[in-house]
Amino acid sequence: MDILAKIIQLRNQKGWTEYKLSLESNIPQTTISSWFRKNVQPSVASLQAICNACGITLSQFFAEDGELRQLTPTQKILLDEFASLSSPQQEALIALLKSMRNED
């Protein structure tokens, strides 16, 4: 997968300039520009910031089916809150969600 091409695809789908992507992702435009000038892959943290700005998950970014599904505002809030939890808290939340699903 060409990660830089995928970033361009996402940016174009949003109708964003490189500058707008930098504003939405809180990544300096100079950093984004240097990825393309130097053909350097962004860090996982930078990819996560881009995905957050575009309303998708990293899994969706790397999906091979080519279908990018937008997150609902509620899903985005849930993912943002989940990311702020410690690893044990995340595991506890996952266990709670699984137990709620199994109560049907």
N, C-alpha and C. Protein backbone atom coordinates (compact mmCIF):
# COMPACT_ATOMS: atom_id res chain seq x y z
N MET A 1 0.84 -1.18 0.00
CA MET A 1 0.00 0.00 0.00
C MET A 1 0.88 1.24 0.00
N ASP A 2 0.53 2.19 -0.83
CA ASP A 2 1.23 3.47 -0.89
C ASP A 2 0.55 4.43 0.08
N ILE A 3 1.15 4.57 1.25
CA ILE A 3 0.55 5.38 2.32
C ILE A 3 0.42 6.84 1.90
N LEU A 4 1.42 7.37 1.25
CA LEU A 4 1.36 8.78 0.84
C LEU A 4 0.24 9.00 -0.18
N ALA A 5 0.08 8.06 -1.09
CA ALA A 5 -1.02 8.17 -2.07
C ALA A 5 -2.37 8.10 -1.38
N LYS A 6 -2.47 7.27 -0.34
CA LYS A 6 -3.72 7.15 0.42
C LYS A 6 -4.03 8.46 1.14
N ILE A 7 -3.01 9.12 1.65
CA ILE A 7 -3.22 10.42 2.31
C ILE A 7 -3.73 11.44 1.29
N ILE A 8 -3.15 11.42 0.11
CA ILE A 8 -3.62 12.33 -0.94
C ILE A 8 -5.07 12.02 -1.30
N GLN A 9 -5.40 10.74 -1.40
CA GLN A 9 -6.77 10.33 -1.71
C GLN A 9 -7.74 10.84 -0.64
N LEU A 10 -7.40 10.67 0.61
CA LEU A 10 -8.26 11.15 1.70
C LEU A 10 -8.43 12.66 1.64
N ARG A 11 -7.32 13.34 1.43
CA ARG A 11 -7.34 14.80 1.36
C ARG A 11 -8.23 15.26 0.21
N ASN A 12 -8.10 14.62 -0.93
CA ASN A 12 -8.92 14.99 -2.09
C ASN A 12 -10.39 14.69 -1.86
N GLN A 13 -10.69 13.57 -1.20
CA GLN A 13 -12.08 13.23 -0.91
C GLN A 13 -12.74 14.29 -0.02
N LYS A 14 -11.95 14.86 0.86
CA LYS A 14 -12.45 15.92 1.74
C LYS A 14 -12.46 17.29 1.06
N GLY A 15 -11.78 17.39 -0.07
CA GLY A 15 -11.65 18.68 -0.74
C GLY A 15 -10.69 19.61 -0.01
N TRP A 16 -9.73 19.01 0.69
CA TRP A 16 -8.79 19.77 1.50
C TRP A 16 -7.48 20.01 0.75
N THR A 17 -6.91 21.16 1.02
CA THR A 17 -5.54 21.43 0.59
C THR A 17 -4.62 20.79 1.62
N GLU A 18 -3.35 20.77 1.31
CA GLU A 18 -2.37 20.27 2.27
C GLU A 18 -2.41 21.12 3.54
N TYR A 19 -2.60 22.41 3.37
CA TYR A 19 -2.68 23.32 4.51
C TYR A 19 -3.89 22.99 5.39
N LYS A 20 -5.03 22.73 4.78
CA LYS A 20 -6.25 22.39 5.54
C LYS A 20 -6.04 21.08 6.29
N LEU A 21 -5.39 20.10 5.66
CA LEU A 21 -5.09 18.85 6.34
C LEU A 21 -4.21 19.10 7.57
N SER A 22 -3.25 19.98 7.42
CA SER A 22 -2.38 20.29 8.56
C SER A 22 -3.16 20.94 9.70
N LEU A 23 -4.09 21.81 9.37
CA LEU A 23 -4.91 22.45 10.40
C LEU A 23 -5.80 21.43 11.11
N GLU A 24 -6.44 20.57 10.33
CA GLU A 24 -7.39 19.60 10.89
C GLU A 24 -6.69 18.51 11.70
N SER A 25 -5.46 18.17 11.33
CA SER A 25 -4.75 17.08 12.01
C SER A 25 -3.76 17.59 13.07
N ASN A 26 -3.56 18.89 13.13
CA ASN A 26 -2.58 19.48 14.05
C ASN A 26 -1.16 18.98 13.77
N ILE A 27 -0.88 18.76 12.50
CA ILE A 27 0.47 18.38 12.07
C ILE A 27 0.99 19.56 11.25
N PRO A 28 2.18 20.05 11.56
CA PRO A 28 2.69 21.19 10.79
C PRO A 28 2.72 20.90 9.29
N GLN A 29 2.35 21.90 8.50
CA GLN A 29 2.35 21.73 7.05
C GLN A 29 3.74 21.38 6.54
N THR A 30 4.75 21.92 7.18
CA THR A 30 6.12 21.61 6.75
C THR A 30 6.42 20.12 6.91
N THR A 31 5.87 19.51 7.95
CA THR A 31 6.06 18.08 8.17
C THR A 31 5.38 17.28 7.07
N ILE A 32 4.13 17.64 6.78
CA ILE A 32 3.38 16.94 5.73
C ILE A 32 4.08 17.10 4.39
N SER A 33 4.50 18.31 4.08
CA SER A 33 5.20 18.56 2.82
C SER A 33 6.47 17.75 2.70
N SER A 34 7.20 17.63 3.81
CA SER A 34 8.47 16.89 3.77
C SER A 34 8.25 15.41 3.50
N TRP A 35 7.12 14.84 3.95
CA TRP A 35 6.84 13.43 3.64
C TRP A 35 6.85 13.21 2.14
N PHE A 36 6.20 14.14 1.43
CA PHE A 36 6.07 13.98 -0.02
C PHE A 36 7.35 14.35 -0.76
N ARG A 37 8.03 15.40 -0.29
CA ARG A 37 9.28 15.80 -0.93
C ARG A 37 10.35 14.72 -0.79
N LYS A 38 10.43 14.13 0.41
CA LYS A 38 11.49 13.16 0.70
C LYS A 38 11.02 11.72 0.56
N ASN A 39 9.74 11.53 0.20
CA ASN A 39 9.14 10.20 0.09
C ASN A 39 9.36 9.40 1.39
N VAL A 40 9.02 10.04 2.51
CA VAL A 40 9.17 9.45 3.84
C VAL A 40 7.79 9.08 4.38
N GLN A 41 7.71 7.92 5.02
CA GLN A 41 6.45 7.48 5.59
C GLN A 41 6.20 8.20 6.91
N PRO A 42 4.98 8.67 7.14
CA PRO A 42 4.65 9.31 8.41
C PRO A 42 4.65 8.30 9.55
N SER A 43 4.81 8.79 10.76
CA SER A 43 4.77 7.92 11.93
C SER A 43 3.33 7.44 12.15
N VAL A 44 3.19 6.43 12.98
CA VAL A 44 1.86 5.92 13.31
C VAL A 44 1.05 7.02 14.01
N ALA A 45 1.70 7.78 14.87
CA ALA A 45 1.00 8.87 15.56
C ALA A 45 0.48 9.90 14.55
N SER A 46 1.28 10.20 13.55
CA SER A 46 0.84 11.15 12.52
C SER A 46 -0.30 10.57 11.70
N LEU A 47 -0.21 9.29 11.36
CA LEU A 47 -1.30 8.64 10.63
C LEU A 47 -2.59 8.66 11.44
N GLN A 48 -2.44 8.42 12.75
CA GLN A 48 -3.62 8.44 13.63
C GLN A 48 -4.24 9.84 13.63
N ALA A 49 -3.41 10.87 13.67
CA ALA A 49 -3.92 12.24 13.66
C ALA A 49 -4.65 12.54 12.35
N ILE A 50 -4.12 12.05 11.25
CA ILE A 50 -4.77 12.24 9.95
C ILE A 50 -6.10 11.49 9.91
N CYS A 51 -6.09 10.26 10.40
CA CYS A 51 -7.33 9.48 10.44
C CYS A 51 -8.38 10.17 11.31
N ASN A 52 -7.96 10.65 12.47
CA ASN A 52 -8.90 11.36 13.35
C ASN A 52 -9.50 12.57 12.64
N ALA A 53 -8.65 13.32 11.95
CA ALA A 53 -9.13 14.51 11.24
C ALA A 53 -10.12 14.14 10.15
N CYS A 54 -9.91 12.99 9.52
CA CYS A 54 -10.77 12.55 8.41
C CYS A 54 -11.97 11.74 8.88
N GLY A 55 -12.02 11.46 10.17
CA GLY A 55 -13.16 10.71 10.70
C GLY A 55 -13.14 9.24 10.38
N ILE A 56 -11.93 8.67 10.26
CA ILE A 56 -11.81 7.23 10.02
C ILE A 56 -10.83 6.63 11.02
N THR A 57 -10.84 5.32 11.11
CA THR A 57 -9.89 4.61 11.97
C THR A 57 -8.67 4.21 11.16
N LEU A 58 -7.62 3.82 11.87
CA LEU A 58 -6.44 3.30 11.18
C LEU A 58 -6.79 2.05 10.39
N SER A 59 -7.68 1.23 10.93
CA SER A 59 -8.11 0.03 10.21
C SER A 59 -8.76 0.40 8.89
N GLN A 60 -9.59 1.43 8.91
CA GLN A 60 -10.23 1.88 7.67
C GLN A 60 -9.19 2.45 6.71
N PHE A 61 -8.20 3.13 7.25
CA PHE A 61 -7.14 3.68 6.40
C PHE A 61 -6.45 2.56 5.63
N PHE A 62 -6.18 1.45 6.31
CA PHE A 62 -5.45 0.35 5.69
C PHE A 62 -6.36 -0.69 5.03
N ALA A 63 -7.66 -0.44 5.03
CA ALA A 63 -8.60 -1.39 4.42
C ALA A 63 -8.28 -1.52 2.94
N GLU A 64 -8.26 -2.74 2.48
CA GLU A 64 -7.93 -3.01 1.08
C GLU A 64 -9.14 -2.93 0.16
N ASP A 65 -10.34 -2.92 0.76
CA ASP A 65 -11.53 -2.92 -0.09
C ASP A 65 -11.79 -1.56 -0.74
N GLY A 66 -11.02 -0.57 -0.34
CA GLY A 66 -11.14 0.75 -0.94
C GLY A 66 -12.32 1.56 -0.43
N GLU A 67 -13.11 0.96 0.43
CA GLU A 67 -14.28 1.67 0.96
C GLU A 67 -13.91 2.37 2.25
N LEU A 68 -13.97 3.67 2.25
CA LEU A 68 -13.73 4.44 3.46
C LEU A 68 -15.08 4.87 4.02
N ARG A 69 -15.36 4.37 5.18
CA ARG A 69 -16.62 4.70 5.82
C ARG A 69 -16.39 5.82 6.83
N GLN A 70 -17.25 6.79 6.81
CA GLN A 70 -17.12 7.90 7.75
C GLN A 70 -17.65 7.48 9.11
N LEU A 71 -16.99 7.91 10.16
CA LEU A 71 -17.48 7.68 11.50
C LEU A 71 -18.59 8.66 11.80
N THR A 72 -19.55 8.19 12.59
CA THR A 72 -20.58 9.11 13.07
C THR A 72 -19.94 9.97 14.15
N PRO A 73 -20.54 11.11 14.47
CA PRO A 73 -19.99 11.93 15.56
C PRO A 73 -19.88 11.15 16.87
N THR A 74 -20.84 10.30 17.16
CA THR A 74 -20.81 9.51 18.39
C THR A 74 -19.66 8.51 18.36
N GLN A 75 -19.42 7.86 17.22
CA GLN A 75 -18.31 6.92 17.11
C GLN A 75 -16.98 7.63 17.28
N LYS A 76 -16.87 8.82 16.73
CA LYS A 76 -15.63 9.58 16.86
C LYS A 76 -15.36 9.94 18.32
N ILE A 77 -16.41 10.37 19.03
CA ILE A 77 -16.26 10.69 20.46
C ILE A 77 -15.82 9.45 21.22
N LEU A 78 -16.46 8.32 20.93
CA LEU A 78 -16.11 7.07 21.61
C LEU A 78 -14.65 6.71 21.37
N LEU A 79 -14.18 6.80 20.14
CA LEU A 79 -12.79 6.49 19.84
C LEU A 79 -11.82 7.46 20.51
N ASP A 80 -12.18 8.73 20.52
CA ASP A 80 -11.31 9.73 21.17
C ASP A 80 -11.21 9.46 22.67
N GLU A 81 -12.35 9.15 23.28
CA GLU A 81 -12.35 8.85 24.72
C GLU A 81 -11.57 7.57 25.00
N PHE A 82 -11.77 6.55 24.17
CA PHE A 82 -11.07 5.28 24.33
C PHE A 82 -9.56 5.49 24.26
N ALA A 83 -9.12 6.31 23.33
CA ALA A 83 -7.68 6.56 23.15
C ALA A 83 -7.06 7.23 24.36
N SER A 84 -7.87 7.94 25.15
CA SER A 84 -7.32 8.65 26.31
C SER A 84 -7.21 7.75 27.54
N LEU A 85 -7.74 6.53 27.47
CA LEU A 85 -7.70 5.61 28.60
C LEU A 85 -6.36 4.87 28.66
N SER A 86 -6.01 4.43 29.86
CA SER A 86 -4.81 3.59 30.00
C SER A 86 -5.11 2.21 29.41
N SER A 87 -4.08 1.44 29.21
CA SER A 87 -4.26 0.11 28.64
C SER A 87 -5.18 -0.77 29.50
N PRO A 88 -5.00 -0.79 30.83
CA PRO A 88 -5.93 -1.60 31.65
C PRO A 88 -7.37 -1.08 31.57
N GLN A 89 -7.54 0.23 31.49
CA GLN A 89 -8.88 0.79 31.36
C GLN A 89 -9.51 0.40 30.03
N GLN A 90 -8.71 0.42 28.96
CA GLN A 90 -9.22 0.01 27.65
C GLN A 90 -9.66 -1.45 27.68
N GLU A 91 -8.84 -2.30 28.29
CA GLU A 91 -9.19 -3.72 28.39
C GLU A 91 -10.47 -3.91 29.19
N ALA A 92 -10.62 -3.17 30.27
CA ALA A 92 -11.84 -3.27 31.09
C ALA A 92 -13.07 -2.82 30.30
N LEU A 93 -12.92 -1.75 29.54
CA LEU A 93 -14.04 -1.26 28.73
C LEU A 93 -14.42 -2.27 27.66
N ILE A 94 -13.43 -2.86 27.01
CA ILE A 94 -13.71 -3.88 25.99
C ILE A 94 -14.46 -5.05 26.62
N ALA A 95 -14.00 -5.49 27.80
CA ALA A 95 -14.67 -6.60 28.49
C ALA A 95 -16.11 -6.22 28.83
N LEU A 96 -16.32 -4.99 29.29
CA LEU A 96 -17.67 -4.53 29.61
C LEU A 96 -18.56 -4.53 28.36
N LEU A 97 -18.05 -4.01 27.26
CA LEU A 97 -18.83 -3.97 26.03
C LEU A 97 -19.17 -5.38 25.54
N LYS A 98 -18.21 -6.29 25.63
CA LYS A 98 -18.47 -7.66 25.22
C LYS A 98 -19.53 -8.31 26.11
N SER A 99 -19.46 -8.03 27.41
CA SER A 99 -20.46 -8.60 28.33
C SER A 99 -21.84 -8.03 28.05
N MET A 100 -21.91 -6.78 27.68
CA MET A 100 -23.20 -6.17 27.36
C MET A 100 -23.79 -6.79 26.09
N ARG A 101 -22.96 -7.09 25.13
CA ARG A 101 -23.41 -7.69 23.89
C ARG A 101 -23.92 -9.11 24.12
N ASN A 102 -23.28 -9.82 25.05
CA ASN A 102 -23.65 -11.21 25.33
C ASN A 102 -24.89 -11.33 26.21
N GLU A 103 -25.39 -10.22 26.72
CA GLU A 103 -26.59 -10.25 27.57
C GLU A 103 -27.87 -10.40 26.77
N ASP A 104 -27.77 -10.28 25.46
CA ASP A 104 -28.98 -10.35 24.63
C ASP A 104 -29.72 -11.58 24.89
